[in-house]
Each structure stands twice: as C-alpha cells, then as structure tokens.
C-alpha atoms as a PDB file:
ATOM      1  CA  MET A   1      -6.326 -15.766 -10.973  1.00  0.00           C
ATOM      2  CA  PRO A   2      -8.086 -17.379  -7.921  1.00  0.00           C
ATOM      3  CA  THR A   3     -10.453 -15.664  -5.573  1.00  0.00           C
ATOM      4  CA  ALA A   4     -11.231 -16.148  -1.942  1.00  0.00           C
ATOM      5  CA  ARG A   5     -14.100 -15.287   0.327  1.00  0.00           C
ATOM      6  CA  ALA A   6     -12.743 -13.128   3.145  1.00  0.00           C
ATOM      7  CA  ASN A   7     -14.318 -10.869   5.803  1.00  0.00           C
ATOM      8  CA  GLY A   8     -17.449 -11.137   3.932  1.00  0.00           C
ATOM      9  CA  ILE A   9     -16.184 -10.090   0.456  1.00  0.00           C
ATOM     10  CA  ARG A  10     -14.464 -11.365  -2.587  1.00  0.00           C
ATOM     11  CA  ILE A  11     -10.659 -10.968  -2.914  1.00  0.00           C
ATOM     12  CA  GLU A  12      -8.808 -11.712  -6.033  1.00  0.00           C
ATOM     13  CA  TYR A  13      -5.206 -12.944  -5.284  1.00  0.00           C
ATOM     14  CA  GLU A  14      -2.167 -14.608  -6.823  1.00  0.00           C
ATOM     15  CA  THR A  15       0.720 -16.518  -5.403  1.00  0.00           C
ATOM     16  CA  PHE A  16       4.475 -16.861  -6.241  1.00  0.00           C
ATOM     17  CA  GLY A  17       6.847 -19.543  -4.856  1.00  0.00           C
ATOM     18  CA  LYS A  18       6.347 -22.763  -3.028  1.00  0.00           C
ATOM     19  CA  SER A  19       3.338 -23.020  -0.763  1.00  0.00           C
ATOM     20  CA  SER A  20       5.658 -24.612   1.821  1.00  0.00           C
ATOM     21  CA  ASP A  21       7.811 -21.497   2.065  1.00  0.00           C
ATOM     22  CA  ARG A  22       7.327 -18.785   4.552  1.00  0.00           C
ATOM     23  CA  PRO A  23       4.189 -16.753   3.667  1.00  0.00           C
ATOM     24  CA  LEU A  24       4.688 -13.083   2.721  1.00  0.00           C
ATOM     25  CA  LEU A  25       1.539 -10.826   2.193  1.00  0.00           C
ATOM     26  CA  LEU A  26       2.012  -7.832  -0.042  1.00  0.00           C
ATOM     27  CA  ILE A  27      -0.682  -4.846   0.303  1.00  0.00           C
ATOM     28  CA  MET A  28      -0.600  -2.194  -2.230  1.00  0.00           C
ATOM     29  CA  GLY A  29      -1.630   1.258  -1.851  1.00  0.00           C
ATOM     30  CA  LEU A  30      -4.337   3.865  -2.948  1.00  0.00           C
ATOM     31  CA  GLY A  31      -6.206   2.964  -5.870  1.00  0.00           C
ATOM     32  CA  ALA A  32      -3.513   0.654  -6.986  1.00  0.00           C
ATOM     33  CA  GLN A  33      -4.085  -2.997  -7.976  1.00  0.00           C
ATOM     34  CA  MET A  34      -1.931  -6.012  -6.933  1.00  0.00           C
ATOM     35  CA  ILE A  35      -0.147  -5.859 -10.357  1.00  0.00           C
ATOM     36  CA  LEU A  36       1.676  -2.876  -9.086  1.00  0.00           C
ATOM     37  CA  TRP A  37       3.642  -5.512  -7.122  1.00  0.00           C
ATOM     38  CA  GLU A  38       5.368  -6.452 -10.256  1.00  0.00           C
ATOM     39  CA  GLU A  39       5.817 -10.239 -11.065  1.00  0.00           C
ATOM     40  CA  ALA A  40       9.614  -9.736 -11.125  1.00  0.00           C
ATOM     41  CA  PHE A  41       9.835  -8.209  -7.818  1.00  0.00           C
ATOM     42  CA  CYS A  42       7.451 -11.061  -6.396  1.00  0.00           C
ATOM     43  CA  GLU A  43       9.675 -13.518  -7.974  1.00  0.00           C
ATOM     44  CA  GLN A  44      12.748 -12.007  -6.518  1.00  0.00           C
ATOM     45  CA  LEU A  45      11.123 -12.409  -3.033  1.00  0.00           C
ATOM     46  CA  ALA A  46      10.115 -15.951  -3.708  1.00  0.00           C
ATOM     47  CA  GLN A  47      13.484 -16.764  -4.691  1.00  0.00           C
ATOM     48  CA  ARG A  48      14.438 -15.891  -1.047  1.00  0.00           C
ATOM     49  CA  GLY A  49      12.305 -18.581   0.510  1.00  0.00           C
ATOM     50  CA  HIS A  50       8.955 -16.885   0.589  1.00  0.00           C
ATOM     51  CA  CYS A  51       5.444 -17.808  -0.516  1.00  0.00           C
ATOM     52  CA  VAL A  52       4.406 -14.438  -1.848  1.00  0.00           C
ATOM     53  CA  ILE A  53       0.720 -13.458  -1.902  1.00  0.00           C
ATOM     54  CA  ARG A  54      -0.375 -10.364  -3.678  1.00  0.00           C
ATOM     55  CA  PHE A  55      -4.096  -9.333  -3.813  1.00  0.00           C
ATOM     56  CA  ASP A  56      -6.387  -6.578  -4.802  1.00  0.00           C
ATOM     57  CA  ASN A  57      -7.723  -4.611  -2.030  1.00  0.00           C
ATOM     58  CA  ARG A  58     -11.450  -4.026  -1.798  1.00  0.00           C
ATOM     59  CA  ASP A  59     -12.694  -1.395  -4.130  1.00  0.00           C
ATOM     60  CA  VAL A  60      -9.883  -1.827  -6.836  1.00  0.00           C
ATOM     61  CA  GLY A  61      -9.323  -4.427  -9.515  1.00  0.00           C
ATOM     62  CA  ARG A  62     -11.257  -7.733  -9.340  1.00  0.00           C
ATOM     63  CA  SER A  63     -12.008  -7.622  -5.745  1.00  0.00           C
ATOM     64  CA  THR A  64     -15.481  -6.611  -4.336  1.00  0.00           C
ATOM     65  CA  GLN A  65     -16.406  -3.140  -5.466  1.00  0.00           C
ATOM     66  CA  PHE A  66     -18.439  -0.995  -3.013  1.00  0.00           C
ATOM     67  CA  ASP A  67     -20.388   0.985  -5.533  1.00  0.00           C
ATOM     68  CA  GLU A  68     -23.550   0.863  -3.137  1.00  0.00           C
ATOM     69  CA  CYS A  69     -21.917   3.195  -0.780  1.00  0.00           C
ATOM     70  CA  GLY A  70     -21.813   5.934  -3.259  1.00  0.00           C
ATOM     71  CA  VAL A  71     -18.884   8.411  -4.016  1.00  0.00           C
ATOM     72  CA  PRO A  72     -17.983  10.393  -0.754  1.00  0.00           C
ATOM     73  CA  ASP A  73     -17.352  14.080  -0.578  1.00  0.00           C
ATOM     74  CA  VAL A  74     -13.354  13.915  -0.550  1.00  0.00           C
ATOM     75  CA  MET A  75     -13.126  17.840  -0.206  1.00  0.00           C
ATOM     76  CA  LYS A  76     -15.353  17.805   2.775  1.00  0.00           C
ATOM     77  CA  ALA A  77     -13.298  14.972   4.224  1.00  0.00           C
ATOM     78  CA  VAL A  78     -10.026  16.792   3.685  1.00  0.00           C
ATOM     79  CA  GLY A  79     -11.445  20.060   5.277  1.00  0.00           C
ATOM     80  CA  ARG A  80     -12.632  18.021   8.234  1.00  0.00           C
ATOM     81  CA  ALA A  81      -9.258  16.269   8.594  1.00  0.00           C
ATOM     82  CA  LEU A  82      -7.509  19.606   8.545  1.00  0.00           C
ATOM     83  CA  ILE A  83      -9.429  20.750  11.753  1.00  0.00           C
ATOM     84  CA  ARG A  84      -9.303  17.283  12.981  1.00  0.00           C
ATOM     85  CA  GLN A  85     -13.061  16.486  13.039  1.00  0.00           C
ATOM     86  CA  PRO A  86     -14.563  13.100  12.690  1.00  0.00           C
ATOM     87  CA  ILE A  87     -15.160  12.031   9.221  1.00  0.00           C
ATOM     88  CA  GLU A  88     -17.867   9.641   7.914  1.00  0.00           C
ATOM     89  CA  ALA A  89     -16.514   6.858   5.632  1.00  0.00           C
ATOM     90  CA  PRO A  90     -17.977   3.842   3.970  1.00  0.00           C
ATOM     91  CA  TYR A  91     -15.118   1.740   5.676  1.00  0.00           C
ATOM     92  CA  LEU A  92     -11.843   2.366   7.394  1.00  0.00           C
ATOM     93  CA  LEU A  93      -8.314   0.901   7.098  1.00  0.00           C
ATOM     94  CA  SER A  94      -9.184  -1.436  10.071  1.00  0.00           C
ATOM     95  CA  ASP A  95     -11.812  -2.949   7.677  1.00  0.00           C
ATOM     96  CA  MET A  96      -9.155  -3.259   5.112  1.00  0.00           C
ATOM     97  CA  ALA A  97      -6.804  -4.958   7.559  1.00  0.00           C
ATOM     98  CA  ALA A  98      -9.556  -7.277   8.364  1.00  0.00           C
ATOM     99  CA  ASP A  99      -9.810  -7.984   4.759  1.00  0.00           C
ATOM    100  CA  ALA A 100      -6.012  -9.006   4.698  1.00  0.00           C
ATOM    101  CA  VAL A 101      -6.199 -11.222   7.623  1.00  0.00           C
ATOM    102  CA  GLY A 102      -9.453 -12.898   6.242  1.00  0.00           C
ATOM    103  CA  LEU A 103      -7.383 -13.691   3.158  1.00  0.00           C
ATOM    104  CA  LEU A 104      -4.791 -15.379   5.391  1.00  0.00           C
ATOM    105  CA  ASP A 105      -7.709 -17.413   6.995  1.00  0.00           C
ATOM    106  CA  ALA A 106      -8.915 -18.506   3.483  1.00  0.00           C
ATOM    107  CA  LEU A 107      -5.394 -19.758   2.749  1.00  0.00           C
ATOM    108  CA  ASP A 108      -5.120 -21.505   6.024  1.00  0.00           C
ATOM    109  CA  ILE A 109      -2.038 -19.258   6.847  1.00  0.00           C
ATOM    110  CA  GLU A 110      -1.506 -18.710  10.673  1.00  0.00           C
ATOM    111  CA  ARG A 111       1.134 -16.049  10.465  1.00  0.00           C
ATOM    112  CA  ALA A 112       2.787 -14.052   7.681  1.00  0.00           C
ATOM    113  CA  ASP A 113       5.530 -11.541   7.046  1.00  0.00           C
ATOM    114  CA  VAL A 114       3.304  -8.509   6.152  1.00  0.00           C
ATOM    115  CA  VAL A 115       4.634  -5.865   3.687  1.00  0.00           C
ATOM    116  CA  GLY A 116       2.592  -2.807   2.606  1.00  0.00           C
ATOM    117  CA  ALA A 117       3.423   0.168   0.278  1.00  0.00           C
ATOM    118  CA  SER A 118       1.814   3.667   0.787  1.00  0.00           C
ATOM    119  CA  MET A 119      -1.839   3.146   1.938  1.00  0.00           C
ATOM    120  CA  GLY A 120      -0.837  -0.578   2.088  1.00  0.00           C
ATOM    121  CA  GLY A 121       1.844   0.285   4.629  1.00  0.00           C
ATOM    122  CA  MET A 122      -0.966   1.875   6.723  1.00  0.00           C
ATOM    123  CA  ILE A 123      -2.966  -1.244   6.270  1.00  0.00           C
ATOM    124  CA  ALA A 124       0.014  -3.341   7.090  1.00  0.00           C
ATOM    125  CA  GLN A 125       0.619  -1.332  10.235  1.00  0.00           C
ATOM    126  CA  SER A 126      -3.038  -1.761  11.308  1.00  0.00           C
ATOM    127  CA  VAL A 127      -2.589  -5.551  10.732  1.00  0.00           C
ATOM    128  CA  ALA A 128       0.438  -5.431  13.117  1.00  0.00           C
ATOM    129  CA  ILE A 129      -1.658  -3.406  15.646  1.00  0.00           C
ATOM    130  CA  GLU A 130      -4.837  -5.365  15.704  1.00  0.00           C
ATOM    131  CA  TYR A 131      -3.674  -8.830  14.768  1.00  0.00           C
ATOM    132  CA  PRO A 132      -0.303  -9.378  16.437  1.00  0.00           C
ATOM    133  CA  SER A 133      -0.485 -13.035  16.540  1.00  0.00           C
ATOM    134  CA  ARG A 134      -1.072 -13.081  12.773  1.00  0.00           C
ATOM    135  CA  THR A 135       2.099 -10.825  12.030  1.00  0.00           C
ATOM    136  CA  ARG A 136       5.567 -12.611  11.946  1.00  0.00           C
ATOM    137  CA  THR A 137       7.249  -9.264  10.709  1.00  0.00           C
ATOM    138  CA  LEU A 138       6.083  -5.881   9.443  1.00  0.00           C
ATOM    139  CA  THR A 139       7.789  -3.924   6.508  1.00  0.00           C
ATOM    140  CA  SER A 140       6.066  -0.517   5.917  1.00  0.00           C
ATOM    141  CA  ILE A 141       7.121   1.127   2.618  1.00  0.00           C
ATOM    142  CA  MET A 142       6.786   4.894   1.708  1.00  0.00           C
ATOM    143  CA  SER A 143       4.102   5.036   4.275  1.00  0.00           C
ATOM    144  CA  THR A 144       3.165   7.078   7.343  1.00  0.00           C
ATOM    145  CA  THR A 145       1.521   6.909  10.793  1.00  0.00           C
ATOM    146  CA  GLY A 146      -1.351   9.223  10.021  1.00  0.00           C
ATOM    147  CA  ASN A 147      -0.020  11.788  12.518  1.00  0.00           C
ATOM    148  CA  ALA A 148      -1.525  15.076  11.413  1.00  0.00           C
ATOM    149  CA  ASP A 149       1.488  17.198  12.587  1.00  0.00           C
ATOM    150  CA  LEU A 150       3.770  15.652   9.647  1.00  0.00           C
ATOM    151  CA  PRO A 151       4.427  17.643   6.662  1.00  0.00           C
ATOM    152  CA  PRO A 152       1.689  17.448   3.980  1.00  0.00           C
ATOM    153  CA  PRO A 153       2.197  16.214   0.453  1.00  0.00           C
ATOM    154  CA  LYS A 154       3.964  18.756  -1.853  1.00  0.00           C
ATOM    155  CA  PRO A 155       1.255  20.775  -3.650  1.00  0.00           C
ATOM    156  CA  GLU A 156       2.458  19.304  -7.197  1.00  0.00           C
ATOM    157  CA  ALA A 157       2.143  15.827  -5.918  1.00  0.00           C
ATOM    158  CA  MET A 158      -1.473  16.447  -4.315  1.00  0.00           C
ATOM    159  CA  ALA A 159      -2.630  17.976  -7.498  1.00  0.00           C
ATOM    160  CA  ALA A 160      -1.532  15.229  -9.542  1.00  0.00           C
ATOM    161  CA  LEU A 161      -3.255  12.613  -7.384  1.00  0.00           C
ATOM    162  CA  MET A 162      -6.566  14.670  -7.247  1.00  0.00           C
ATOM    163  CA  THR A 163      -6.653  15.160 -10.991  1.00  0.00           C
ATOM    164  CA  PRO A 164     -10.047  13.415 -12.124  1.00  0.00           C
ATOM    165  CA  ALA A 165      -9.304  10.296 -13.853  1.00  0.00           C
ATOM    166  CA  PRO A 166     -10.451  10.061 -17.593  1.00  0.00           C
ATOM    167  CA  LEU A 167     -13.131   7.391 -18.346  1.00  0.00           C
ATOM    168  CA  ASP A 168     -11.493   6.369 -21.807  1.00  0.00           C
ATOM    169  CA  ARG A 169      -8.633   3.801 -21.647  1.00  0.00           C
ATOM    170  CA  ALA A 170      -5.996   5.969 -23.442  1.00  0.00           C
ATOM    171  CA  GLY A 171      -6.894   8.937 -21.267  1.00  0.00           C
ATOM    172  CA  SER A 172      -6.548   6.862 -17.996  1.00  0.00           C
ATOM    173  CA  ILE A 173      -3.179   5.525 -19.102  1.00  0.00           C
ATOM    174  CA  GLU A 174      -1.803   8.864 -19.867  1.00  0.00           C
ATOM    175  CA  ARG A 175      -3.026  10.262 -16.602  1.00  0.00           C
ATOM    176  CA  ALA A 176      -1.164   7.475 -14.946  1.00  0.00           C
ATOM    177  CA  VAL A 177       2.121   8.503 -16.795  1.00  0.00           C
ATOM    178  CA  GLY A 178       1.569  12.185 -15.712  1.00  0.00           C
ATOM    179  CA  VAL A 179       1.096  11.318 -12.100  1.00  0.00           C
ATOM    180  CA  PHE A 180       4.191   9.037 -11.890  1.00  0.00           C
ATOM    181  CA  ARG A 181       6.108  11.840 -13.570  1.00  0.00           C
ATOM    182  CA  VAL A 182       5.380  14.051 -10.509  1.00  0.00           C
ATOM    183  CA  ILE A 183       5.527  11.514  -7.645  1.00  0.00           C
ATOM    184  CA  GLY A 184       8.063   9.005  -8.900  1.00  0.00           C
ATOM    185  CA  SER A 185      11.666   8.640  -8.386  1.00  0.00           C
ATOM    186  CA  PRO A 186      13.818  11.674  -9.669  1.00  0.00           C
ATOM    187  CA  GLY A 187      17.003  10.055  -8.934  1.00  0.00           C
ATOM    188  CA  PHE A 188      16.257   7.165 -11.620  1.00  0.00           C
ATOM    189  CA  PRO A 189      15.258   7.301 -15.179  1.00  0.00           C
ATOM    190  CA  PHE A 190      11.579   7.570 -15.842  1.00  0.00           C
ATOM    191  CA  ASP A 191      10.280   4.649 -17.844  1.00  0.00           C
ATOM    192  CA  ALA A 192       7.092   5.966 -19.520  1.00  0.00           C
ATOM    193  CA  ASP A 193       6.443   2.674 -21.421  1.00  0.00           C
ATOM    194  CA  ARG A 194       6.488   0.582 -18.202  1.00  0.00           C
ATOM    195  CA  ILE A 195       3.873   2.848 -16.785  1.00  0.00           C
ATOM    196  CA  ARG A 196       1.694   2.641 -19.805  1.00  0.00           C
ATOM    197  CA  ARG A 197       1.868  -0.896 -19.673  1.00  0.00           C
ATOM    198  CA  ILE A 198       1.004  -1.488 -16.119  1.00  0.00           C
ATOM    199  CA  ALA A 199      -1.734   1.257 -16.405  1.00  0.00           C
ATOM    200  CA  GLY A 200      -3.268  -0.454 -19.431  1.00  0.00           C
ATOM    201  CA  GLN A 201      -3.391  -3.806 -17.461  1.00  0.00           C
ATOM    202  CA  ALA A 202      -5.082  -2.076 -14.613  1.00  0.00           C
ATOM    203  CA  TYR A 203      -7.746  -0.347 -16.771  1.00  0.00           C
ATOM    204  CA  ASP A 204      -8.598  -3.671 -18.408  1.00  0.00           C
ATOM    205  CA  ARG A 205      -8.693  -5.678 -15.090  1.00  0.00           C
ATOM    206  CA  GLY A 206     -11.047  -3.203 -13.328  1.00  0.00           C
ATOM    207  CA  PHE A 207     -11.429   0.501 -14.016  1.00  0.00           C
ATOM    208  CA  ASN A 208     -12.954   2.143 -10.780  1.00  0.00           C
ATOM    209  CA  PRO A 209     -11.985   5.776  -9.746  1.00  0.00           C
ATOM    210  CA  ALA A 210     -14.950   5.856  -7.379  1.00  0.00           C
ATOM    211  CA  GLY A 211     -13.257   3.119  -5.396  1.00  0.00           C
ATOM    212  CA  THR A 212     -10.167   5.158  -5.129  1.00  0.00           C
ATOM    213  CA  ILE A 213     -12.144   7.974  -3.601  1.00  0.00           C
ATOM    214  CA  ARG A 214     -13.665   5.511  -1.088  1.00  0.00           C
ATOM    215  CA  GLN A 215     -10.144   4.487  -0.087  1.00  0.00           C
ATOM    216  CA  LEU A 216      -8.906   7.962   0.199  1.00  0.00           C
ATOM    217  CA  VAL A 217     -11.723   8.861   2.591  1.00  0.00           C
ATOM    218  CA  ALA A 218     -10.876   5.736   4.610  1.00  0.00           C
ATOM    219  CA  ILE A 219      -7.255   6.965   5.140  1.00  0.00           C
ATOM    220  CA  LEU A 220      -8.661  10.363   6.256  1.00  0.00           C
ATOM    221  CA  ALA A 221     -11.217   8.723   8.610  1.00  0.00           C
ATOM    222  CA  SER A 222      -8.910   6.418  10.198  1.00  0.00           C
ATOM    223  CA  GLY A 223      -6.718   8.886  11.836  1.00  0.00           C
ATOM    224  CA  SER A 224      -3.403   8.476  13.449  1.00  0.00           C
ATOM    225  CA  ARG A 225      -1.720   5.107  14.397  1.00  0.00           C
ATOM    226  CA  LYS A 226       1.177   6.654  16.141  1.00  0.00           C
ATOM    227  CA  GLU A 227       0.448   5.770  19.787  1.00  0.00           C
ATOM    228  CA  ALA A 228      -0.931   2.279  18.737  1.00  0.00           C
ATOM    229  CA  LEU A 229       2.291   1.552  16.922  1.00  0.00           C
ATOM    230  CA  ARG A 230       4.059   1.754  20.179  1.00  0.00           C
ATOM    231  CA  SER A 231       2.391  -1.431  21.137  1.00  0.00           C
ATOM    232  CA  VAL A 232       3.915  -3.388  18.089  1.00  0.00           C
ATOM    233  CA  ARG A 233       6.495  -5.945  19.229  1.00  0.00           C
ATOM    234  CA  VAL A 234       7.207  -7.787  15.862  1.00  0.00           C
ATOM    235  CA  PRO A 235      10.399  -7.193  14.094  1.00  0.00           C
ATOM    236  CA  ALA A 236       9.736  -4.213  11.769  1.00  0.00           C
ATOM    237  CA  LEU A 237      11.480  -2.474   8.794  1.00  0.00           C
ATOM    238  CA  VAL A 238      10.595   1.021   7.574  1.00  0.00           C
ATOM    239  CA  VAL A 239      11.639   1.825   3.797  1.00  0.00           C
ATOM    240  CA  HIS A 240      11.319   5.267   2.417  1.00  0.00           C
ATOM    241  CA  GLY A 241      12.463   7.339  -0.521  1.00  0.00           C
ATOM    242  CA  ALA A 242      14.456  10.431   0.589  1.00  0.00           C
ATOM    243  CA  ALA A 243      12.736  12.338  -2.561  1.00  0.00           C
ATOM    244  CA  ASP A 244       9.136  11.264  -1.654  1.00  0.00           C
ATOM    245  CA  PRO A 245       6.839  14.197  -2.795  1.00  0.00           C
ATOM    246  CA  LEU A 246       3.501  12.518  -1.684  1.00  0.00           C
ATOM    247  CA  ILE A 247       4.588  11.067   1.680  1.00  0.00           C
ATOM    248  CA  SER A 248       7.310  13.005   3.180  1.00  0.00           C
ATOM    249  CA  VAL A 249      10.347  10.852   4.447  1.00  0.00           C
ATOM    250  CA  ALA A 250       9.241  12.456   7.808  1.00  0.00           C
ATOM    251  CA  GLY A 251       6.359  10.004   7.648  1.00  0.00           C
ATOM    252  CA  GLY A 252       8.675   6.938   7.330  1.00  0.00           C
ATOM    253  CA  ILE A 253      10.981   8.279  10.094  1.00  0.00           C
ATOM    254  CA  ASP A 254       7.677   8.812  12.260  1.00  0.00           C
ATOM    255  CA  THR A 255       6.731   5.218  11.782  1.00  0.00           C
ATOM    256  CA  ALA A 256      10.083   3.960  12.639  1.00  0.00           C
ATOM    257  CA  GLU A 257      10.336   6.029  15.765  1.00  0.00           C
ATOM    258  CA  ALA A 258       6.737   4.801  17.026  1.00  0.00           C
ATOM    259  CA  ILE A 259       7.605   1.094  16.444  1.00  0.00           C
ATOM    260  CA  PRO A 260      10.058  -0.308  19.023  1.00  0.00           C
ATOM    261  CA  GLY A 261      13.224  -1.313  17.660  1.00  0.00           C
ATOM    262  CA  ALA A 262      12.237  -0.768  14.000  1.00  0.00           C
ATOM    263  CA  GLU A 263      14.952  -0.802  11.354  1.00  0.00           C
ATOM    264  CA  VAL A 264      15.082   2.017   8.771  1.00  0.00           C
ATOM    265  CA  LEU A 265      16.309   2.057   5.156  1.00  0.00           C
ATOM    266  CA  ILE A 266      16.202   5.695   3.494  1.00  0.00           C
ATOM    267  CA  LEU A 267      16.817   5.258  -0.276  1.00  0.00           C
ATOM    268  CA  GLU A 268      18.231   8.428  -1.967  1.00  0.00           C
ATOM    269  CA  GLY A 269      16.717   9.318  -5.194  1.00  0.00           C
ATOM    270  CA  MET A 270      13.497   7.255  -4.553  1.00  0.00           C
ATOM    271  CA  GLY A 271      10.127   8.997  -4.735  1.00  0.00           C
ATOM    272  CA  HIS A 272       6.727   7.473  -4.223  1.00  0.00           C
ATOM    273  CA  ASP A 273       7.177   4.525  -6.374  1.00  0.00           C
ATOM    274  CA  LEU A 274       9.202   1.233  -6.752  1.00  0.00           C
ATOM    275  CA  PRO A 275      11.851   1.747  -9.344  1.00  0.00           C
ATOM    276  CA  PRO A 276      13.332  -1.640 -10.565  1.00  0.00           C
ATOM    277  CA  VAL A 277      16.762  -0.562 -10.056  1.00  0.00           C
ATOM    278  CA  LEU A 278      15.994  -0.503  -6.341  1.00  0.00           C
ATOM    279  CA  TRP A 279      14.198  -3.984  -6.129  1.00  0.00           C
ATOM    280  CA  PRO A 280      17.317  -6.090  -5.144  1.00  0.00           C
ATOM    281  CA  GLN A 281      18.162  -3.455  -2.288  1.00  0.00           C
ATOM    282  CA  ILE A 282      14.471  -3.564  -1.030  1.00  0.00           C
ATOM    283  CA  VAL A 283      14.186  -7.387  -1.527  1.00  0.00           C
ATOM    284  CA  ASP A 284      17.506  -7.847   0.344  1.00  0.00           C
ATOM    285  CA  ALA A 285      16.168  -5.619   3.277  1.00  0.00           C
ATOM    286  CA  ILE A 286      12.874  -7.512   3.534  1.00  0.00           C
ATOM    287  CA  SER A 287      14.280 -11.001   3.376  1.00  0.00           C
ATOM    288  CA  GLY A 288      17.035  -9.965   5.718  1.00  0.00           C
ATOM    289  CA  LEU A 289      14.296  -8.824   8.216  1.00  0.00           C
ATOM    290  CA  THR A 290      12.383 -12.224   7.775  1.00  0.00           C
ATOM    291  CA  ALA A 291      15.315 -14.380   8.058  1.00  0.00           C
ATOM    292  CA  ARG A 292      16.445 -12.736  11.383  1.00  0.00           C
ATOM    293  CA  ALA A 293      12.932 -13.078  12.585  1.00  0.00           C
END
C-alpha cells in the first residue's frame, strides 16, 4: 500500500474508486487500523461516486509509531478526567486531525467528505472545527462530543476495552473476539470468524498496544468539543447504534444537537461496530448527505 508524508509523519493509506470522483476520507477509531473499514464497505461507497481514502492513524498499523513517547499512565489520566483536571498526553486529537488534513495535502485534495467512526468521529469533528475550508461534509459514526456530563461506558464494555492485550498472535485474536462479543451489535448475528480474520490481519500489519494507550490518553486530554461544534456549518450526519454499550447513544444525540442542522440516523440493534448487514443503510445515508451537499 502507498505511504505519504503528512504533518511530519508517515501515513499508510489506500484508495478505492476513481481518482476523479468526490474524495471521501475515512477515519477509524481507537487502536483500529484502516482495515476495519472493510474493503466491501469502501467499494460500496466508491460505487456511489466517491474516491474513498482509508488510512492508518498515527500509532497504529503501518503509520508512524510514537514509541519514543513511552506508555502514559492511563489510570491516572482517567482519574484526572473524572475530576476535570488537565491531562498530559504525547499528542491530542487536534494533532490527529492535522494528520488527516496533511494526508489530503499530500494527495492534492482541496476538500473532502470526512467520515469518522468512534475516536475517528472525534477526529473528524476536529477536522470540521479546525479546518472548515477542507471539509465538504461531516459524518460522525458511533462517536461523541467529549462532553463529560454524558453517560459513561457500561462497566462490561469498559472492562473489555481495558483488558491487557496478549503479546502473542493467537491470544491477540481471541481478545479481539472477546471485546467485540461485548461491544458489538446485539441485534445481529455475531460472526466470530470475521473478527478473527480482521484481527489476524491487524496483528500481522502492526501490533502496537502501547499506541492504543497513547490514543486513549489523547481522547481524555482533548476534552469537550461541544461548544466548538456549534461553529460547524458544513452539512453533517450523525449515525449511532441504539444498543451501543461503549459510547452511549446519548453521545450521538449530543453531537447532533451541537452541530447546526445535523441529520441523525439511530440504528436499532447496532452496538459499537459496523455489522455488514447495516452497510447498505449507512452507505445510503452517507452518499445521500454528500449528494445533497
């Protein structure tokens, strides 16, 4: 896959569709590589007239790792977040938004439809806030504003997420299966083989649990975007699962209420993942937004 120099780092990326079609940038979530935007999902978007770009965020996959920054004390960061005190972090979501815009620069793209899932939704929001001239539309999926007054993750979801990652390939794969059994979509059949396949690919591409911790601390240190989101003037769509145990649907509603004129799509039975059975509905919503824009 190609790489680009962007915002002073190396970013691994891949494109789908015609380069002459409307650019659509996909930003994935915490500890997740670009392959979690599965090829068939990207191809469905490309068939709607988009040049789809997926990429590895900093500290995951084959993009630049920040190992020289060490491993932050995540429990200390969580504790400080609970009492709303400043948190030291190797980088912030704003830096990750600058990475995304830097990739657009490297690809000579002036404006893009920006789509983010989970932490990627937070980064996409930051792109729309900080780089309005580069953002054609914003789609925030299973994400939140960072508002500290929103409901926290369900205990079982947080426990699954915080379970230390085994260092061996087989253990890492089975941990992924266990995590998605907890945070995934209860309204649809669970496909353990699909999760094992993606988790195995992710392990082989670049296993870096310390990078996930640094990303988590970046989320905690970045605070709330709720007030800043009121300045967003691009067409926006918020997609959220009604059964999300990790980021409550209240986070999606809070996002939609903060962005003037945002559309909302709440999907029954969807948790904190993107089950293939819902791809056509999500693709329809995204492509409908971008077509209207």
